[in-house]
Amino acid sequence: MNSATGVTRVRGASVGAVSGSFSLAAHAAASSEAPSEGAITLLLAMSAGLGALVATLSKRHRSLRDSSTALVGALVLGQALGHLTLSVASDHHHGPSLTPTMLGAHAAAVLAIAVVIRYAEQGYRVAANTLARIVPRLVAPGPIAGPARRFDTDYRDDIIARLLVAPTLRTRAPPALA
């Protein structure tokens, strides 16, 4: 796996996990009830699908992988889909109530998360490149010390015949039908 593939996986997993966890936390903070198991299951499926979509698009299009704007857009989409999923799938419905305070909190969260994900991607690149240089040196085979051992490979037909006749090494046949 090259570094670019790993970075796309880091981005996709991060966007999916953050979208789901922040949607769940915001929903729990806004309402006194916990979401139902079905709503949480749908949220997990949405988060996994969004993460896979982001990773796939980032892998296929280098411009999306290197773009912070695409990352912010994916995070905004993830929060919107998470809110919609929990609102529709929950037993109780609350209005959209898009207050300026809530929009500001979402915008600040998206920007902060985008910065953290970009640093995580850079950290992954550095760690992967460092390990790619170190690991082959650590596991490289060393020189063989001393002469090679000689193994006795003489053929002895009397041992082979005794093994074939021995009762413990016979194969078991299917039971006889009477």
N, C-alpha and C. Protein backbone atom coordinates (compact mmCIF):
# COMPACT_ATOMS: atom_id res chain seq x y z
N MET A 1 0.85 -1.17 0.00
CA MET A 1 0.00 0.00 0.00
C MET A 1 0.89 1.23 0.00
N ASN A 2 0.62 2.13 -0.90
CA ASN A 2 1.42 3.35 -0.95
C ASN A 2 0.83 4.40 -0.02
N SER A 3 1.56 5.49 0.13
CA SER A 3 1.16 6.53 1.06
C SER A 3 -0.15 7.20 0.65
N ALA A 4 -0.38 7.38 -0.66
CA ALA A 4 -1.61 8.03 -1.12
C ALA A 4 -2.84 7.20 -0.78
N THR A 5 -2.74 5.89 -0.92
CA THR A 5 -3.87 5.02 -0.58
C THR A 5 -4.17 5.10 0.91
N GLY A 6 -3.13 5.12 1.71
CA GLY A 6 -3.32 5.23 3.16
C GLY A 6 -3.94 6.56 3.55
N VAL A 7 -3.53 7.63 2.90
CA VAL A 7 -4.09 8.95 3.21
C VAL A 7 -5.57 8.99 2.86
N THR A 8 -5.96 8.38 1.75
CA THR A 8 -7.38 8.37 1.39
C THR A 8 -8.19 7.56 2.41
N ARG A 9 -7.60 6.50 2.93
CA ARG A 9 -8.30 5.72 3.96
C ARG A 9 -8.41 6.50 5.26
N VAL A 10 -7.36 7.22 5.62
CA VAL A 10 -7.41 8.05 6.83
C VAL A 10 -8.49 9.11 6.68
N ARG A 11 -8.55 9.75 5.52
CA ARG A 11 -9.55 10.80 5.29
C ARG A 11 -10.96 10.21 5.33
N GLY A 12 -11.19 9.11 4.63
CA GLY A 12 -12.53 8.52 4.60
C GLY A 12 -12.98 8.05 5.97
N ALA A 13 -12.09 7.36 6.70
CA ALA A 13 -12.45 6.88 8.04
C ALA A 13 -12.71 8.04 8.98
N SER A 14 -11.89 9.08 8.88
CA SER A 14 -12.06 10.24 9.77
C SER A 14 -13.37 10.97 9.49
N VAL A 15 -13.67 11.21 8.23
CA VAL A 15 -14.91 11.91 7.89
C VAL A 15 -16.12 11.09 8.34
N GLY A 16 -16.11 9.79 8.08
CA GLY A 16 -17.23 8.94 8.48
C GLY A 16 -17.41 8.89 9.99
N ALA A 17 -16.30 8.69 10.72
CA ALA A 17 -16.39 8.59 12.18
C ALA A 17 -16.82 9.90 12.82
N VAL A 18 -16.24 11.01 12.35
CA VAL A 18 -16.58 12.31 12.93
C VAL A 18 -18.02 12.69 12.61
N SER A 19 -18.46 12.40 11.40
CA SER A 19 -19.84 12.75 11.04
C SER A 19 -20.83 12.01 11.92
N GLY A 20 -20.60 10.72 12.11
CA GLY A 20 -21.52 9.94 12.94
C GLY A 20 -21.47 10.33 14.40
N SER A 21 -20.26 10.47 14.95
CA SER A 21 -20.14 10.75 16.39
C SER A 21 -20.64 12.16 16.73
N PHE A 22 -20.34 13.14 15.89
CA PHE A 22 -20.81 14.50 16.18
C PHE A 22 -22.32 14.60 16.01
N SER A 23 -22.88 13.91 15.03
CA SER A 23 -24.33 13.94 14.87
C SER A 23 -25.02 13.32 16.08
N LEU A 24 -24.48 12.21 16.55
CA LEU A 24 -25.06 11.54 17.72
C LEU A 24 -24.93 12.41 18.96
N ALA A 25 -23.77 13.03 19.16
CA ALA A 25 -23.57 13.88 20.33
C ALA A 25 -24.48 15.12 20.28
N ALA A 26 -24.60 15.73 19.13
CA ALA A 26 -25.45 16.92 19.00
C ALA A 26 -26.91 16.57 19.22
N HIS A 27 -27.32 15.42 18.69
CA HIS A 27 -28.71 15.00 18.85
C HIS A 27 -29.00 14.71 20.33
N ALA A 28 -28.06 14.06 20.99
CA ALA A 28 -28.25 13.76 22.42
C ALA A 28 -28.26 15.03 23.25
N ALA A 29 -27.46 16.01 22.89
CA ALA A 29 -27.42 17.27 23.64
C ALA A 29 -28.69 18.09 23.42
N ALA A 30 -29.24 18.02 22.21
CA ALA A 30 -30.42 18.83 21.89
C ALA A 30 -31.70 18.22 22.44
N SER A 31 -31.71 16.92 22.64
CA SER A 31 -32.94 16.27 23.10
C SER A 31 -32.65 15.51 24.38
N SER A 32 -33.66 15.33 25.18
CA SER A 32 -33.46 14.61 26.44
C SER A 32 -33.51 13.10 26.25
N GLU A 33 -33.92 12.65 25.08
CA GLU A 33 -34.04 11.21 24.81
C GLU A 33 -32.87 10.73 23.98
N ALA A 34 -32.50 9.48 24.23
CA ALA A 34 -31.46 8.86 23.39
C ALA A 34 -32.12 8.35 22.11
N PRO A 35 -31.42 8.38 20.99
CA PRO A 35 -31.99 7.86 19.75
C PRO A 35 -32.25 6.35 19.86
N SER A 36 -33.17 5.87 19.07
CA SER A 36 -33.48 4.45 19.09
C SER A 36 -32.34 3.65 18.46
N GLU A 37 -32.37 2.35 18.68
CA GLU A 37 -31.33 1.48 18.10
C GLU A 37 -31.37 1.51 16.58
N GLY A 38 -32.56 1.58 16.02
CA GLY A 38 -32.70 1.66 14.57
C GLY A 38 -32.09 2.94 14.01
N ALA A 39 -32.30 4.06 14.72
CA ALA A 39 -31.74 5.33 14.28
C ALA A 39 -30.22 5.30 14.35
N ILE A 40 -29.68 4.70 15.40
CA ILE A 40 -28.23 4.60 15.53
C ILE A 40 -27.66 3.68 14.45
N THR A 41 -28.36 2.60 14.14
CA THR A 41 -27.92 1.70 13.08
C THR A 41 -27.89 2.41 11.73
N LEU A 42 -28.94 3.17 11.44
CA LEU A 42 -28.96 3.94 10.19
C LEU A 42 -27.84 4.98 10.16
N LEU A 43 -27.56 5.60 11.31
CA LEU A 43 -26.49 6.58 11.39
C LEU A 43 -25.13 5.92 11.12
N LEU A 44 -24.92 4.73 11.68
CA LEU A 44 -23.67 4.01 11.43
C LEU A 44 -23.53 3.65 9.95
N ALA A 45 -24.62 3.20 9.35
CA ALA A 45 -24.57 2.87 7.92
C ALA A 45 -24.30 4.11 7.07
N MET A 46 -24.94 5.23 7.42
CA MET A 46 -24.70 6.47 6.69
C MET A 46 -23.25 6.91 6.85
N SER A 47 -22.72 6.82 8.06
CA SER A 47 -21.34 7.24 8.31
C SER A 47 -20.35 6.37 7.55
N ALA A 48 -20.57 5.07 7.56
CA ALA A 48 -19.68 4.16 6.83
C ALA A 48 -19.75 4.41 5.33
N GLY A 49 -20.96 4.63 4.82
CA GLY A 49 -21.12 4.91 3.39
C GLY A 49 -20.46 6.22 2.99
N LEU A 50 -20.62 7.24 3.81
CA LEU A 50 -19.99 8.52 3.52
C LEU A 50 -18.47 8.40 3.56
N GLY A 51 -17.95 7.69 4.57
CA GLY A 51 -16.50 7.49 4.66
C GLY A 51 -15.96 6.74 3.46
N ALA A 52 -16.67 5.71 3.02
CA ALA A 52 -16.23 4.95 1.83
C ALA A 52 -16.29 5.81 0.58
N LEU A 53 -17.33 6.62 0.46
CA LEU A 53 -17.45 7.51 -0.70
C LEU A 53 -16.31 8.54 -0.73
N VAL A 54 -16.02 9.13 0.41
CA VAL A 54 -14.94 10.12 0.48
C VAL A 54 -13.59 9.47 0.15
N ALA A 55 -13.35 8.28 0.69
CA ALA A 55 -12.08 7.58 0.41
C ALA A 55 -11.97 7.23 -1.07
N THR A 56 -13.05 6.75 -1.66
CA THR A 56 -13.02 6.37 -3.07
C THR A 56 -12.80 7.58 -3.97
N LEU A 57 -13.54 8.65 -3.72
CA LEU A 57 -13.38 9.85 -4.55
C LEU A 57 -11.99 10.46 -4.36
N SER A 58 -11.47 10.44 -3.14
CA SER A 58 -10.14 10.98 -2.90
C SER A 58 -9.06 10.15 -3.58
N LYS A 59 -9.29 8.84 -3.65
CA LYS A 59 -8.31 7.96 -4.29
C LYS A 59 -8.30 8.16 -5.81
N ARG A 60 -9.47 8.35 -6.38
CA ARG A 60 -9.57 8.47 -7.84
C ARG A 60 -9.18 9.86 -8.35
N HIS A 61 -9.38 10.88 -7.54
CA HIS A 61 -9.12 12.25 -7.99
C HIS A 61 -8.11 12.90 -7.04
N ARG A 62 -6.90 13.07 -7.53
CA ARG A 62 -5.84 13.64 -6.71
C ARG A 62 -6.21 15.05 -6.23
N SER A 63 -6.93 15.79 -7.06
CA SER A 63 -7.30 17.15 -6.67
C SER A 63 -8.21 17.14 -5.44
N LEU A 64 -9.06 16.12 -5.30
CA LEU A 64 -9.92 16.03 -4.11
C LEU A 64 -9.12 15.60 -2.88
N ARG A 65 -8.10 14.76 -3.09
CA ARG A 65 -7.29 14.28 -1.97
C ARG A 65 -6.47 15.41 -1.37
N ASP A 66 -6.02 16.33 -2.20
CA ASP A 66 -5.16 17.41 -1.72
C ASP A 66 -5.94 18.67 -1.38
N SER A 67 -7.25 18.65 -1.53
CA SER A 67 -8.06 19.86 -1.35
C SER A 67 -8.65 19.92 0.05
N SER A 68 -8.41 21.04 0.71
CA SER A 68 -9.05 21.27 2.02
C SER A 68 -10.52 21.64 1.83
N THR A 69 -10.84 22.26 0.71
CA THR A 69 -12.23 22.63 0.43
C THR A 69 -13.10 21.38 0.29
N ALA A 70 -12.59 20.36 -0.38
CA ALA A 70 -13.34 19.11 -0.52
C ALA A 70 -13.53 18.45 0.84
N LEU A 71 -12.53 18.53 1.70
CA LEU A 71 -12.65 17.96 3.04
C LEU A 71 -13.72 18.69 3.85
N VAL A 72 -13.72 20.01 3.80
CA VAL A 72 -14.74 20.78 4.52
C VAL A 72 -16.13 20.47 3.96
N GLY A 73 -16.24 20.37 2.64
CA GLY A 73 -17.52 20.02 2.03
C GLY A 73 -18.01 18.65 2.46
N ALA A 74 -17.10 17.68 2.55
CA ALA A 74 -17.49 16.34 3.00
C ALA A 74 -17.94 16.36 4.46
N LEU A 75 -17.28 17.16 5.29
CA LEU A 75 -17.68 17.25 6.69
C LEU A 75 -19.04 17.93 6.85
N VAL A 76 -19.29 18.98 6.06
CA VAL A 76 -20.60 19.64 6.10
C VAL A 76 -21.69 18.68 5.64
N LEU A 77 -21.42 17.96 4.56
CA LEU A 77 -22.38 16.97 4.07
C LEU A 77 -22.63 15.89 5.12
N GLY A 78 -21.57 15.45 5.79
CA GLY A 78 -21.71 14.42 6.82
C GLY A 78 -22.57 14.89 7.98
N GLN A 79 -22.37 16.13 8.42
CA GLN A 79 -23.19 16.63 9.52
C GLN A 79 -24.64 16.81 9.10
N ALA A 80 -24.86 17.27 7.88
CA ALA A 80 -26.24 17.43 7.40
C ALA A 80 -26.93 16.08 7.27
N LEU A 81 -26.23 15.10 6.69
CA LEU A 81 -26.82 13.76 6.56
C LEU A 81 -27.04 13.10 7.92
N GLY A 82 -26.13 13.30 8.84
CA GLY A 82 -26.30 12.74 10.18
C GLY A 82 -27.50 13.35 10.89
N HIS A 83 -27.65 14.65 10.80
CA HIS A 83 -28.81 15.31 11.41
C HIS A 83 -30.10 14.83 10.76
N LEU A 84 -30.11 14.74 9.44
CA LEU A 84 -31.30 14.28 8.73
C LEU A 84 -31.63 12.83 9.09
N THR A 85 -30.61 11.99 9.15
CA THR A 85 -30.83 10.57 9.48
C THR A 85 -31.43 10.42 10.86
N LEU A 86 -30.87 11.11 11.85
CA LEU A 86 -31.40 10.99 13.21
C LEU A 86 -32.76 11.65 13.36
N SER A 87 -33.01 12.70 12.63
CA SER A 87 -34.32 13.36 12.71
C SER A 87 -35.41 12.49 12.10
N VAL A 88 -35.12 11.87 10.98
CA VAL A 88 -36.13 11.05 10.30
C VAL A 88 -36.32 9.71 11.02
N ALA A 89 -35.24 9.10 11.49
CA ALA A 89 -35.32 7.76 12.04
C ALA A 89 -35.74 7.73 13.51
N SER A 90 -35.68 8.86 14.20
CA SER A 90 -36.06 8.88 15.61
C SER A 90 -37.56 8.85 15.77
N ASP A 91 -37.99 8.42 16.95
CA ASP A 91 -39.42 8.37 17.24
C ASP A 91 -40.00 9.77 17.43
N HIS A 92 -39.18 10.70 17.85
CA HIS A 92 -39.65 12.07 18.03
C HIS A 92 -39.01 12.96 16.97
N HIS A 93 -39.74 13.94 16.55
CA HIS A 93 -39.23 14.85 15.52
C HIS A 93 -39.16 16.26 16.11
N HIS A 94 -38.08 16.89 15.82
CA HIS A 94 -37.98 18.29 16.23
C HIS A 94 -37.75 19.12 14.98
N GLY A 95 -38.13 20.35 15.05
CA GLY A 95 -38.02 21.23 13.90
C GLY A 95 -36.57 21.51 13.53
N PRO A 96 -36.38 22.08 12.38
CA PRO A 96 -35.01 22.34 11.95
C PRO A 96 -34.29 23.32 12.86
N SER A 97 -34.95 24.34 13.35
CA SER A 97 -34.43 25.34 14.28
C SER A 97 -32.98 25.69 14.01
N LEU A 98 -32.72 26.19 12.81
CA LEU A 98 -31.37 26.58 12.44
C LEU A 98 -31.10 27.99 12.96
N THR A 99 -30.66 28.07 14.18
CA THR A 99 -30.36 29.36 14.77
C THR A 99 -28.94 29.78 14.37
N PRO A 100 -28.65 31.06 14.42
CA PRO A 100 -27.29 31.50 14.11
C PRO A 100 -26.24 30.88 15.04
N THR A 101 -26.62 30.68 16.30
CA THR A 101 -25.68 30.07 17.25
C THR A 101 -25.35 28.65 16.84
N MET A 102 -26.38 27.89 16.46
CA MET A 102 -26.15 26.50 16.06
C MET A 102 -25.33 26.44 14.77
N LEU A 103 -25.64 27.28 13.80
CA LEU A 103 -24.87 27.30 12.55
C LEU A 103 -23.41 27.70 12.82
N GLY A 104 -23.21 28.65 13.71
CA GLY A 104 -21.85 29.05 14.06
C GLY A 104 -21.09 27.92 14.74
N ALA A 105 -21.77 27.18 15.62
CA ALA A 105 -21.12 26.05 16.29
C ALA A 105 -20.76 24.96 15.28
N HIS A 106 -21.67 24.71 14.33
CA HIS A 106 -21.37 23.71 13.30
C HIS A 106 -20.19 24.15 12.43
N ALA A 107 -20.18 25.43 12.06
CA ALA A 107 -19.09 25.94 11.21
C ALA A 107 -17.75 25.86 11.94
N ALA A 108 -17.74 26.25 13.22
CA ALA A 108 -16.49 26.17 13.99
C ALA A 108 -16.04 24.72 14.14
N ALA A 109 -16.98 23.81 14.38
CA ALA A 109 -16.63 22.40 14.52
C ALA A 109 -16.08 21.83 13.22
N VAL A 110 -16.70 22.18 12.10
CA VAL A 110 -16.23 21.68 10.80
C VAL A 110 -14.82 22.16 10.52
N LEU A 111 -14.56 23.44 10.76
CA LEU A 111 -13.22 23.97 10.49
C LEU A 111 -12.17 23.35 11.42
N ALA A 112 -12.50 23.19 12.70
CA ALA A 112 -11.55 22.59 13.63
C ALA A 112 -11.27 21.13 13.26
N ILE A 113 -12.31 20.40 12.90
CA ILE A 113 -12.14 19.00 12.52
C ILE A 113 -11.34 18.87 11.24
N ALA A 114 -11.58 19.78 10.30
CA ALA A 114 -10.84 19.76 9.03
C ALA A 114 -9.35 19.96 9.29
N VAL A 115 -9.00 20.86 10.20
CA VAL A 115 -7.59 21.08 10.53
C VAL A 115 -6.99 19.83 11.17
N VAL A 116 -7.72 19.22 12.08
CA VAL A 116 -7.22 18.00 12.74
C VAL A 116 -7.02 16.87 11.73
N ILE A 117 -7.97 16.71 10.81
CA ILE A 117 -7.84 15.64 9.81
C ILE A 117 -6.66 15.92 8.88
N ARG A 118 -6.45 17.16 8.48
CA ARG A 118 -5.30 17.49 7.61
C ARG A 118 -3.99 17.18 8.33
N TYR A 119 -3.90 17.49 9.61
CA TYR A 119 -2.69 17.15 10.36
C TYR A 119 -2.54 15.63 10.52
N ALA A 120 -3.65 14.93 10.68
CA ALA A 120 -3.58 13.47 10.77
C ALA A 120 -3.09 12.87 9.45
N GLU A 121 -3.54 13.43 8.34
CA GLU A 121 -3.07 12.96 7.03
C GLU A 121 -1.57 13.20 6.87
N GLN A 122 -1.12 14.38 7.28
CA GLN A 122 0.31 14.69 7.18
C GLN A 122 1.11 13.77 8.11
N GLY A 123 0.60 13.53 9.30
CA GLY A 123 1.27 12.61 10.22
C GLY A 123 1.34 11.20 9.66
N TYR A 124 0.27 10.78 8.98
CA TYR A 124 0.28 9.46 8.36
C TYR A 124 1.35 9.38 7.27
N ARG A 125 1.43 10.43 6.45
CA ARG A 125 2.45 10.45 5.37
C ARG A 125 3.86 10.32 5.95
N VAL A 126 4.15 11.09 6.99
CA VAL A 126 5.48 11.06 7.60
C VAL A 126 5.75 9.68 8.20
N ALA A 127 4.78 9.14 8.94
CA ALA A 127 4.97 7.83 9.59
C ALA A 127 5.12 6.71 8.56
N ALA A 128 4.29 6.74 7.51
CA ALA A 128 4.37 5.69 6.50
C ALA A 128 5.68 5.73 5.74
N ASN A 129 6.14 6.93 5.39
CA ASN A 129 7.42 7.04 4.67
C ASN A 129 8.59 6.65 5.56
N THR A 130 8.53 7.00 6.83
CA THR A 130 9.61 6.62 7.75
C THR A 130 9.65 5.11 7.92
N LEU A 131 8.50 4.50 8.14
CA LEU A 131 8.45 3.04 8.31
C LEU A 131 8.86 2.31 7.03
N ALA A 132 8.52 2.88 5.88
CA ALA A 132 8.91 2.25 4.62
C ALA A 132 10.43 2.21 4.45
N ARG A 133 11.12 3.14 5.06
CA ARG A 133 12.59 3.14 4.99
C ARG A 133 13.22 2.29 6.09
N ILE A 134 12.60 2.24 7.26
CA ILE A 134 13.20 1.54 8.39
C ILE A 134 12.95 0.05 8.37
N VAL A 135 11.73 -0.38 8.10
CA VAL A 135 11.35 -1.79 8.23
C VAL A 135 12.17 -2.71 7.32
N PRO A 136 12.42 -2.37 6.06
CA PRO A 136 13.23 -3.30 5.26
C PRO A 136 14.63 -3.51 5.83
N ARG A 137 15.18 -2.52 6.47
CA ARG A 137 16.50 -2.68 7.07
C ARG A 137 16.45 -3.53 8.32
N LEU A 138 15.35 -3.46 9.06
CA LEU A 138 15.24 -4.25 10.28
C LEU A 138 15.04 -5.74 10.01
N VAL A 139 14.34 -6.06 8.95
CA VAL A 139 14.03 -7.46 8.67
C VAL A 139 14.87 -8.04 7.54
N ALA A 140 15.89 -7.32 7.10
CA ALA A 140 16.75 -7.83 6.04
C ALA A 140 17.53 -9.04 6.55
N PRO A 141 17.59 -10.10 5.78
CA PRO A 141 18.33 -11.28 6.25
C PRO A 141 19.82 -10.98 6.31
N GLY A 142 20.44 -11.44 7.37
CA GLY A 142 21.88 -11.24 7.54
C GLY A 142 22.67 -12.35 6.86
N PRO A 143 23.98 -12.25 6.89
CA PRO A 143 24.80 -13.29 6.28
C PRO A 143 24.73 -14.59 7.08
N ILE A 144 24.87 -15.70 6.40
CA ILE A 144 24.85 -17.01 7.06
C ILE A 144 26.23 -17.25 7.65
N ALA A 145 26.28 -17.56 8.94
CA ALA A 145 27.55 -17.79 9.61
C ALA A 145 27.95 -19.25 9.47
N GLY A 146 29.14 -19.49 9.01
CA GLY A 146 29.67 -20.85 8.92
C GLY A 146 29.18 -21.58 7.69
N PRO A 147 29.72 -22.79 7.51
CA PRO A 147 29.31 -23.58 6.34
C PRO A 147 27.89 -24.12 6.51
N ALA A 148 27.27 -24.41 5.41
CA ALA A 148 25.92 -24.96 5.44
C ALA A 148 25.95 -26.37 6.02
N ARG A 149 24.93 -26.73 6.78
CA ARG A 149 24.85 -28.07 7.35
C ARG A 149 24.50 -29.07 6.27
N ARG A 150 25.04 -30.25 6.43
CA ARG A 150 24.76 -31.33 5.49
C ARG A 150 23.69 -32.22 6.11
N PHE A 151 22.64 -32.45 5.33
CA PHE A 151 21.56 -33.30 5.81
C PHE A 151 21.68 -34.66 5.15
N ASP A 152 21.36 -35.71 5.92
CA ASP A 152 21.39 -37.07 5.39
C ASP A 152 20.11 -37.29 4.59
N THR A 153 20.26 -37.46 3.31
CA THR A 153 19.09 -37.64 2.44
C THR A 153 19.14 -38.99 1.73
N ASP A 154 19.81 -39.96 2.35
CA ASP A 154 19.89 -41.28 1.73
C ASP A 154 18.51 -41.94 1.72
N TYR A 155 18.20 -42.61 0.65
CA TYR A 155 16.92 -43.30 0.52
C TYR A 155 17.04 -44.68 1.16
N ARG A 156 16.08 -45.00 2.04
CA ARG A 156 16.07 -46.32 2.68
C ARG A 156 14.69 -46.92 2.46
N ASP A 157 14.62 -47.86 1.53
CA ASP A 157 13.33 -48.43 1.17
C ASP A 157 12.72 -49.28 2.26
N ASP A 158 13.51 -49.82 3.21
CA ASP A 158 12.93 -50.65 4.27
C ASP A 158 12.08 -49.81 5.22
N ILE A 159 12.42 -48.52 5.43
CA ILE A 159 11.61 -47.66 6.31
C ILE A 159 10.30 -47.32 5.62
N ILE A 160 10.33 -47.05 4.33
CA ILE A 160 9.12 -46.72 3.60
C ILE A 160 8.16 -47.89 3.62
N ALA A 161 8.65 -49.09 3.42
CA ALA A 161 7.79 -50.27 3.43
C ALA A 161 7.16 -50.48 4.79
N ARG A 162 7.92 -50.26 5.88
CA ARG A 162 7.35 -50.43 7.23
C ARG A 162 6.28 -49.38 7.51
N LEU A 163 6.46 -48.18 7.00
CA LEU A 163 5.45 -47.14 7.22
C LEU A 163 4.15 -47.46 6.49
N LEU A 164 4.25 -48.02 5.30
CA LEU A 164 3.05 -48.34 4.56
C LEU A 164 2.29 -49.50 5.17
N VAL A 165 2.98 -50.40 5.85
CA VAL A 165 2.35 -51.57 6.44
C VAL A 165 1.84 -51.29 7.84
N ALA A 166 2.34 -50.25 8.50
CA ALA A 166 1.97 -49.97 9.88
C ALA A 166 0.47 -49.70 9.99
N PRO A 167 -0.20 -50.29 11.01
CA PRO A 167 -1.66 -50.15 11.13
C PRO A 167 -2.10 -48.73 11.52
N THR A 168 -1.25 -47.95 12.12
CA THR A 168 -1.68 -46.62 12.58
C THR A 168 -1.74 -45.59 11.48
N LEU A 169 -1.13 -45.82 10.36
CA LEU A 169 -1.10 -44.83 9.29
C LEU A 169 -2.06 -45.15 8.16
N ARG A 170 -2.89 -46.14 8.33
CA ARG A 170 -3.85 -46.46 7.27
C ARG A 170 -4.94 -45.42 7.22
N THR A 171 -5.46 -45.22 6.05
CA THR A 171 -6.57 -44.29 5.92
C THR A 171 -7.86 -44.98 6.31
N ARG A 172 -8.80 -44.22 6.78
CA ARG A 172 -10.06 -44.77 7.21
C ARG A 172 -11.02 -44.77 6.03
N ALA A 173 -11.63 -45.88 5.79
CA ALA A 173 -12.58 -46.00 4.70
C ALA A 173 -13.97 -45.66 5.19
N PRO A 174 -14.90 -45.40 4.29
CA PRO A 174 -16.28 -45.18 4.72
C PRO A 174 -16.86 -46.47 5.29
N PRO A 175 -17.83 -46.38 6.14
CA PRO A 175 -18.40 -47.60 6.74
C PRO A 175 -19.04 -48.49 5.66
N ALA A 176 -18.89 -49.77 5.90
CA ALA A 176 -19.46 -50.74 4.95
C ALA A 176 -20.97 -50.77 5.11
N LEU A 177 -21.67 -50.78 4.00
CA LEU A 177 -23.13 -50.83 4.03
C LEU A 177 -23.55 -52.29 3.92
N ALA A 178 -24.33 -52.74 4.85
CA ALA A 178 -24.74 -54.15 4.83
C ALA A 178 -26.02 -54.34 4.09
